C-alpha atoms as a PDB file:
ATOM      1  CA  UNK A   1       6.459 -14.713  29.031  1.00  0.00           C
ATOM      2  CA  UNK A   2       5.392 -11.241  27.946  1.00  0.00           C
ATOM      3  CA  UNK A   3       8.919 -10.283  26.920  1.00  0.00           C
ATOM      4  CA  UNK A   4       9.136 -13.464  24.804  1.00  0.00           C
ATOM      5  CA  UNK A   5       5.900 -12.507  23.041  1.00  0.00           C
ATOM      6  CA  UNK A   6       7.244  -9.029  22.367  1.00  0.00           C
ATOM      7  CA  UNK A   7      10.485 -10.546  21.090  1.00  0.00           C
ATOM      8  CA  UNK A   8       8.587 -12.928  18.771  1.00  0.00           C
ATOM      9  CA  UNK A   9       6.403 -10.133  17.382  1.00  0.00           C
ATOM     10  CA  UNK A  10       9.450  -7.909  17.046  1.00  0.00           C
ATOM     11  CA  UNK A  11      11.297 -10.598  15.071  1.00  0.00           C
ATOM     12  CA  UNK A  12       8.338 -11.113  12.729  1.00  0.00           C
ATOM     13  CA  UNK A  13       8.105  -7.347  12.243  1.00  0.00           C
ATOM     14  CA  UNK A  14      11.834  -7.034  11.542  1.00  0.00           C
ATOM     15  CA  UNK A  15      11.881  -9.964   9.106  1.00  0.00           C
ATOM     16  CA  UNK A  16       8.931  -8.594   7.134  1.00  0.00           C
ATOM     17  CA  UNK A  17      10.560  -5.185   7.003  1.00  0.00           C
ATOM     18  CA  UNK A  18      13.918  -6.614   5.910  1.00  0.00           C
ATOM     19  CA  UNK A  19      12.256  -8.541   3.100  1.00  0.00           C
ATOM     20  CA  UNK A  20      10.217  -5.477   2.138  1.00  0.00           C
ATOM     21  CA  UNK A  21      13.259  -3.209   2.005  1.00  0.00           C
ATOM     22  CA  UNK A  22      15.419  -5.672   0.094  1.00  0.00           C
ATOM     23  CA  UNK A  23      12.604  -6.271  -2.397  1.00  0.00           C
ATOM     24  CA  UNK A  24      12.116  -2.521  -2.959  1.00  0.00           C
ATOM     25  CA  UNK A  25      15.860  -1.976  -3.282  1.00  0.00           C
ATOM     26  CA  UNK A  26      16.162  -4.761  -5.857  1.00  0.00           C
ATOM     27  CA  UNK A  27      13.202  -3.472  -7.870  1.00  0.00           C
ATOM     28  CA  UNK A  28      14.502   0.104  -7.863  1.00  0.00           C
ATOM     29  CA  UNK A  29      18.090  -0.905  -8.664  1.00  0.00           C
ATOM     30  CA  UNK A  30      16.887  -2.984 -11.621  1.00  0.00           C
ATOM     31  CA  UNK A  31      14.298  -0.447 -12.824  1.00  0.00           C
ATOM     32  CA  UNK A  32      11.517  -3.009 -12.449  1.00  0.00           C
ATOM     33  CA  UNK A  33       7.900  -2.036 -12.111  1.00  0.00           C
ATOM     34  CA  UNK A  34       5.800  -3.906  -9.569  1.00  0.00           C
ATOM     35  CA  UNK A  35       4.094  -5.927 -12.294  1.00  0.00           C
ATOM     36  CA  UNK A  36       7.489  -6.944 -13.715  1.00  0.00           C
ATOM     37  CA  UNK A  37       8.619  -8.292 -10.367  1.00  0.00           C
ATOM     38  CA  UNK A  38       5.257 -10.021  -9.894  1.00  0.00           C
ATOM     39  CA  UNK A  39       5.746 -11.750 -13.226  1.00  0.00           C
ATOM     40  CA  UNK A  40       9.289 -12.865 -12.296  1.00  0.00           C
ATOM     41  CA  UNK A  41       8.011 -14.267  -8.995  1.00  0.00           C
ATOM     42  CA  UNK A  42       4.858 -15.791 -10.456  1.00  0.00           C
ATOM     43  CA  UNK A  43       2.637 -13.940  -7.994  1.00  0.00           C
ATOM     44  CA  UNK A  44       0.015 -11.230  -8.283  1.00  0.00           C
ATOM     45  CA  UNK A  45       0.778  -7.525  -8.274  1.00  0.00           C
ATOM     46  CA  UNK A  46      -1.144  -7.334  -4.985  1.00  0.00           C
ATOM     47  CA  UNK A  47       1.226  -9.894  -3.447  1.00  0.00           C
ATOM     48  CA  UNK A  48       4.278  -7.812  -4.429  1.00  0.00           C
ATOM     49  CA  UNK A  49       2.628  -4.708  -3.002  1.00  0.00           C
ATOM     50  CA  UNK A  50       1.959  -6.623   0.230  1.00  0.00           C
ATOM     51  CA  UNK A  51       5.576  -7.840   0.330  1.00  0.00           C
ATOM     52  CA  UNK A  52       6.875  -4.293  -0.121  1.00  0.00           C
ATOM     53  CA  UNK A  53       4.505  -2.993   2.550  1.00  0.00           C
ATOM     54  CA  UNK A  54       5.529  -5.695   5.068  1.00  0.00           C
ATOM     55  CA  UNK A  55       2.029  -7.190   5.014  1.00  0.00           C
ATOM     56  CA  UNK A  56       2.719 -10.528   3.348  1.00  0.00           C
ATOM     57  CA  UNK A  57       3.306 -13.822   5.102  1.00  0.00           C
ATOM     58  CA  UNK A  58       5.368 -15.524   2.422  1.00  0.00           C
ATOM     59  CA  UNK A  59       5.011 -19.227   1.831  1.00  0.00           C
ATOM     60  CA  UNK A  60       8.199 -21.206   1.298  1.00  0.00           C
ATOM     61  CA  UNK A  61       7.739 -21.440  -2.470  1.00  0.00           C
ATOM     62  CA  UNK A  62       7.421 -17.659  -2.866  1.00  0.00           C
ATOM     63  CA  UNK A  63      10.302 -17.109  -0.461  1.00  0.00           C
ATOM     64  CA  UNK A  64      12.553 -19.359  -2.553  1.00  0.00           C
ATOM     65  CA  UNK A  65      11.473 -17.601  -5.764  1.00  0.00           C
ATOM     66  CA  UNK A  66      12.165 -14.254  -4.096  1.00  0.00           C
ATOM     67  CA  UNK A  67      15.682 -15.212  -3.016  1.00  0.00           C
ATOM     68  CA  UNK A  68      16.441 -16.574  -6.485  1.00  0.00           C
ATOM     69  CA  UNK A  69      15.075 -13.450  -8.173  1.00  0.00           C
ATOM     70  CA  UNK A  70      16.973 -11.125  -5.839  1.00  0.00           C
ATOM     71  CA  UNK A  71      20.112 -13.213  -6.266  1.00  0.00           C
ATOM     72  CA  UNK A  72      20.439 -13.764  -2.525  1.00  0.00           C
ATOM     73  CA  UNK A  73      20.799 -16.754  -0.253  1.00  0.00           C
ATOM     74  CA  UNK A  74      18.307 -17.172   2.577  1.00  0.00           C
ATOM     75  CA  UNK A  75      21.020 -16.038   5.003  1.00  0.00           C
ATOM     76  CA  UNK A  76      21.603 -12.878   2.983  1.00  0.00           C
ATOM     77  CA  UNK A  77      17.883 -12.187   2.687  1.00  0.00           C
ATOM     78  CA  UNK A  78      17.343 -12.397   6.442  1.00  0.00           C
ATOM     79  CA  UNK A  79      20.570 -10.731   7.503  1.00  0.00           C
ATOM     80  CA  UNK A  80      20.201  -7.595   9.508  1.00  0.00           C
ATOM     81  CA  UNK A  81      22.821  -5.437  11.077  1.00  0.00           C
ATOM     82  CA  UNK A  82      22.388  -4.173  14.603  1.00  0.00           C
ATOM     83  CA  UNK A  83      19.418  -6.458  15.388  1.00  0.00           C
ATOM     84  CA  UNK A  84      20.380  -6.598  19.067  1.00  0.00           C
ATOM     85  CA  UNK A  85      20.623  -2.828  19.332  1.00  0.00           C
ATOM     86  CA  UNK A  86      17.248  -2.511  17.555  1.00  0.00           C
ATOM     87  CA  UNK A  87      15.650  -4.818  20.114  1.00  0.00           C
ATOM     88  CA  UNK A  88      17.234  -2.852  22.927  1.00  0.00           C
ATOM     89  CA  UNK A  89      15.735   0.297  21.404  1.00  0.00           C
ATOM     90  CA  UNK A  90      12.257  -1.276  21.273  1.00  0.00           C
ATOM     91  CA  UNK A  91      12.554  -2.317  24.917  1.00  0.00           C
ATOM     92  CA  UNK A  92      13.845   1.139  25.893  1.00  0.00           C
ATOM     93  CA  UNK A  93      10.895   2.802  24.131  1.00  0.00           C
ATOM     94  CA  UNK A  94       8.422   0.414  25.778  1.00  0.00           C
ATOM     95  CA  UNK A  95       9.868   1.121  29.206  1.00  0.00           C
ATOM     96  CA  UNK A  96       9.662   4.860  28.591  1.00  0.00           C
ATOM     97  CA  UNK A  97       5.897   4.653  28.052  1.00  0.00           C
ATOM     98  CA  UNK A  98       3.560   5.451  30.886  1.00  0.00           C
ATOM     99  CA  UNK A  99       2.089   2.486  32.768  1.00  0.00           C
ATOM    100  CA  UNK A 100      -1.378   2.912  31.258  1.00  0.00           C
ATOM    101  CA  UNK A 101      -0.014   2.644  27.709  1.00  0.00           C
ATOM    102  CA  UNK A 102       2.189  -0.315  28.673  1.00  0.00           C
ATOM    103  CA  UNK A 103      -0.897  -2.058  30.053  1.00  0.00           C
ATOM    104  CA  UNK A 104      -2.820  -1.345  26.838  1.00  0.00           C
ATOM    105  CA  UNK A 105       0.017  -2.783  24.762  1.00  0.00           C
ATOM    106  CA  UNK A 106       0.077  -5.912  26.917  1.00  0.00           C
ATOM    107  CA  UNK A 107      -3.642  -6.407  26.273  1.00  0.00           C
ATOM    108  CA  UNK A 108      -3.129  -5.937  22.534  1.00  0.00           C
ATOM    109  CA  UNK A 109      -0.214  -8.395  22.442  1.00  0.00           C
ATOM    110  CA  UNK A 110      -2.125 -10.980  24.478  1.00  0.00           C
ATOM    111  CA  UNK A 111      -5.116 -10.621  22.170  1.00  0.00           C
ATOM    112  CA  UNK A 112      -2.937 -10.982  19.073  1.00  0.00           C
ATOM    113  CA  UNK A 113      -1.103 -13.932  20.565  1.00  0.00           C
ATOM    114  CA  UNK A 114      -4.291 -15.766  21.556  1.00  0.00           C
ATOM    115  CA  UNK A 115      -5.694 -15.216  18.065  1.00  0.00           C
ATOM    116  CA  UNK A 116      -2.662 -16.889  16.467  1.00  0.00           C
ATOM    117  CA  UNK A 117      -3.029 -20.129  18.465  1.00  0.00           C
END
């Protein structure tokens, strides 16, 4: 069960980071300021900043606007190379931690997981 929770949190982390990176890349490639992208998406500047800092939980409407603005399909937006090797790296790092730190992380993950239910 714990490894499934780690996997779920890892996936959410990866997805947010993929979206953040692709959004930044698009903005930089097109010489757009944050407020310009916010205007194109119909969201606040703060929302774009949150997207680019992997802090935003996008609703479906904003996600669709983002894919349209970036000129990507949903598949292209969420595509990531080497996802399996990234997960293996996360697991390897976790296993390399001392037992006390592993236990602390388990408590944190359980607390986060119980707060989301």
